[in-house]
Amino acid sequence: MKIRKARVEEAPALARIAQESQRHLGCPDDWINHSQTGFSISSDLISDDSVYLAEESGELQGFYALAADGASLEQLQVAPSHLGTGVGKELFLHAMEKVCQRNN
């Protein structure tokens, strides 16, 4: 697994991961569709180097987004097919390193 900066063109795929994750947690489709803007990843956020993703063999496994101030984790999502594999842990550790770097 590799963690790297997200690219602007990957925003729709990251939004799908977030929506799939919420469905897996049992959130009703009405709520997910109503809250869809909360699951979108803006090109500005990606351009600000605030979104990183985990991938292996070209498959996106999950991602995180830092808050605009870079001081906290705004979102961490793992594709349901990769839950329990350590992807979330690795993304979280990577995010905490980035937060510490930005705050020093």
Protein backbone atom coordinates (compact mmCIF):
# COMPACT_ATOMS: atom_id res chain seq x y z
CA MET A 1 0.00 0.00 0.00
CA LYS A 2 1.19 3.47 -0.90
CA ILE A 3 -0.06 6.76 0.58
CA ARG A 4 0.20 9.74 -1.73
CA LYS A 5 -1.32 13.13 -2.45
CA ALA A 6 -4.67 12.96 -4.18
CA ARG A 7 -5.09 14.39 -7.66
CA VAL A 8 -7.96 16.71 -8.58
CA GLU A 9 -9.38 14.23 -11.10
CA GLU A 10 -9.72 11.62 -8.31
CA ALA A 11 -12.28 13.70 -6.39
CA PRO A 12 -15.33 11.77 -7.69
CA ALA A 13 -13.75 8.42 -6.73
CA LEU A 14 -12.99 9.73 -3.24
CA ALA A 15 -16.58 10.93 -2.84
CA ARG A 16 -17.77 7.42 -3.82
CA ILE A 17 -15.54 5.87 -1.16
CA ALA A 18 -17.04 8.21 1.45
CA GLN A 19 -20.60 7.39 0.37
CA GLU A 20 -19.92 3.63 0.31
CA SER A 21 -18.39 3.87 3.75
CA GLN A 22 -21.47 5.64 5.13
CA ARG A 23 -23.77 3.04 3.54
CA HIS A 24 -21.68 0.28 5.11
CA LEU A 25 -22.19 1.95 8.50
CA GLY A 26 -25.93 1.76 7.95
CA CYS A 27 -26.68 5.35 7.02
CA PRO A 28 -29.85 5.51 4.93
CA ASP A 29 -29.54 6.57 1.29
CA ASP A 30 -31.87 9.54 1.90
CA TRP A 31 -29.44 10.91 4.48
CA ILE A 32 -26.39 10.23 2.30
CA ASN A 33 -28.00 11.91 -0.72
CA HIS A 34 -29.11 14.86 1.41
CA SER A 35 -25.62 15.19 2.89
CA GLN A 36 -23.78 14.56 -0.37
CA THR A 37 -21.96 17.89 -0.21
CA GLY A 38 -20.41 16.76 3.05
CA PHE A 39 -18.85 13.83 1.20
CA SER A 40 -17.47 15.83 -1.68
CA ILE A 41 -13.80 16.59 -1.91
CA SER A 42 -13.23 19.96 -3.53
CA SER A 43 -10.51 20.55 -6.06
CA ASP A 44 -9.33 23.46 -3.88
CA LEU A 45 -8.82 21.12 -0.93
CA ILE A 46 -6.88 18.70 -3.11
CA SER A 47 -4.84 21.55 -4.61
CA ASP A 48 -3.94 22.74 -1.10
CA ASP A 49 -2.21 19.38 -0.45
CA SER A 50 -4.80 18.53 2.19
CA VAL A 51 -6.05 15.21 0.77
CA TYR A 52 -4.04 12.00 0.74
CA LEU A 53 -5.11 8.55 -0.36
CA ALA A 54 -4.08 4.95 0.04
CA GLU A 55 -3.77 2.83 -3.05
CA GLU A 56 -2.41 -0.50 -4.10
CA SER A 57 -2.11 -1.76 -7.67
CA GLY A 58 -4.10 1.27 -8.85
CA GLU A 59 -7.03 0.59 -6.50
CA LEU A 60 -8.03 3.42 -4.17
CA GLN A 61 -8.52 2.00 -0.70
CA GLY A 62 -9.28 5.07 1.38
CA PHE A 63 -8.33 8.68 2.02
CA TYR A 64 -8.12 11.45 4.53
CA ALA A 65 -8.59 15.19 4.35
CA LEU A 66 -7.07 17.73 6.70
CA ALA A 67 -9.05 20.76 7.82
CA ALA A 68 -8.37 24.01 5.99
CA ASP A 69 -6.12 25.19 8.82
CA GLY A 70 -4.08 21.98 8.53
CA ALA A 71 -4.31 21.52 12.28
CA SER A 72 -6.81 18.67 12.44
CA LEU A 73 -8.24 15.71 10.60
CA GLU A 74 -11.47 16.62 8.85
CA GLN A 75 -12.32 13.29 7.24
CA LEU A 76 -10.95 9.75 7.10
CA GLN A 77 -12.74 7.20 4.95
CA VAL A 78 -11.88 3.60 4.08
CA ALA A 79 -13.57 1.63 1.32
CA PRO A 80 -15.71 -1.10 2.96
CA SER A 81 -13.79 -3.81 1.11
CA HIS A 82 -10.62 -2.68 2.93
CA LEU A 83 -11.95 -2.37 6.46
CA GLY A 84 -9.93 -4.37 8.95
CA THR A 85 -6.83 -4.47 6.74
CA GLY A 86 -4.86 -1.68 8.43
CA VAL A 87 -5.58 0.94 5.76
CA GLY A 88 -7.38 3.23 8.22
CA LYS A 89 -4.58 2.94 10.76
CA GLU A 90 -1.91 3.80 8.19
CA LEU A 91 -3.93 6.75 6.89
CA PHE A 92 -4.46 8.02 10.44
CA LEU A 93 -0.76 7.79 11.29
CA HIS A 94 0.16 9.55 8.05
CA ALA A 95 -2.37 12.29 8.78
CA MET A 96 -1.00 12.86 12.27
CA GLU A 97 2.52 13.21 10.84
CA LYS A 98 1.26 15.83 8.38
CA VAL A 99 -0.56 17.75 11.13
CA CYS A 100 2.58 17.76 13.29
CA GLN A 101 4.72 18.94 10.35
CA ARG A 102 2.33 21.80 9.59
CA ASN A 103 2.17 22.91 13.20
CA ASN A 104 5.93 23.07 13.77
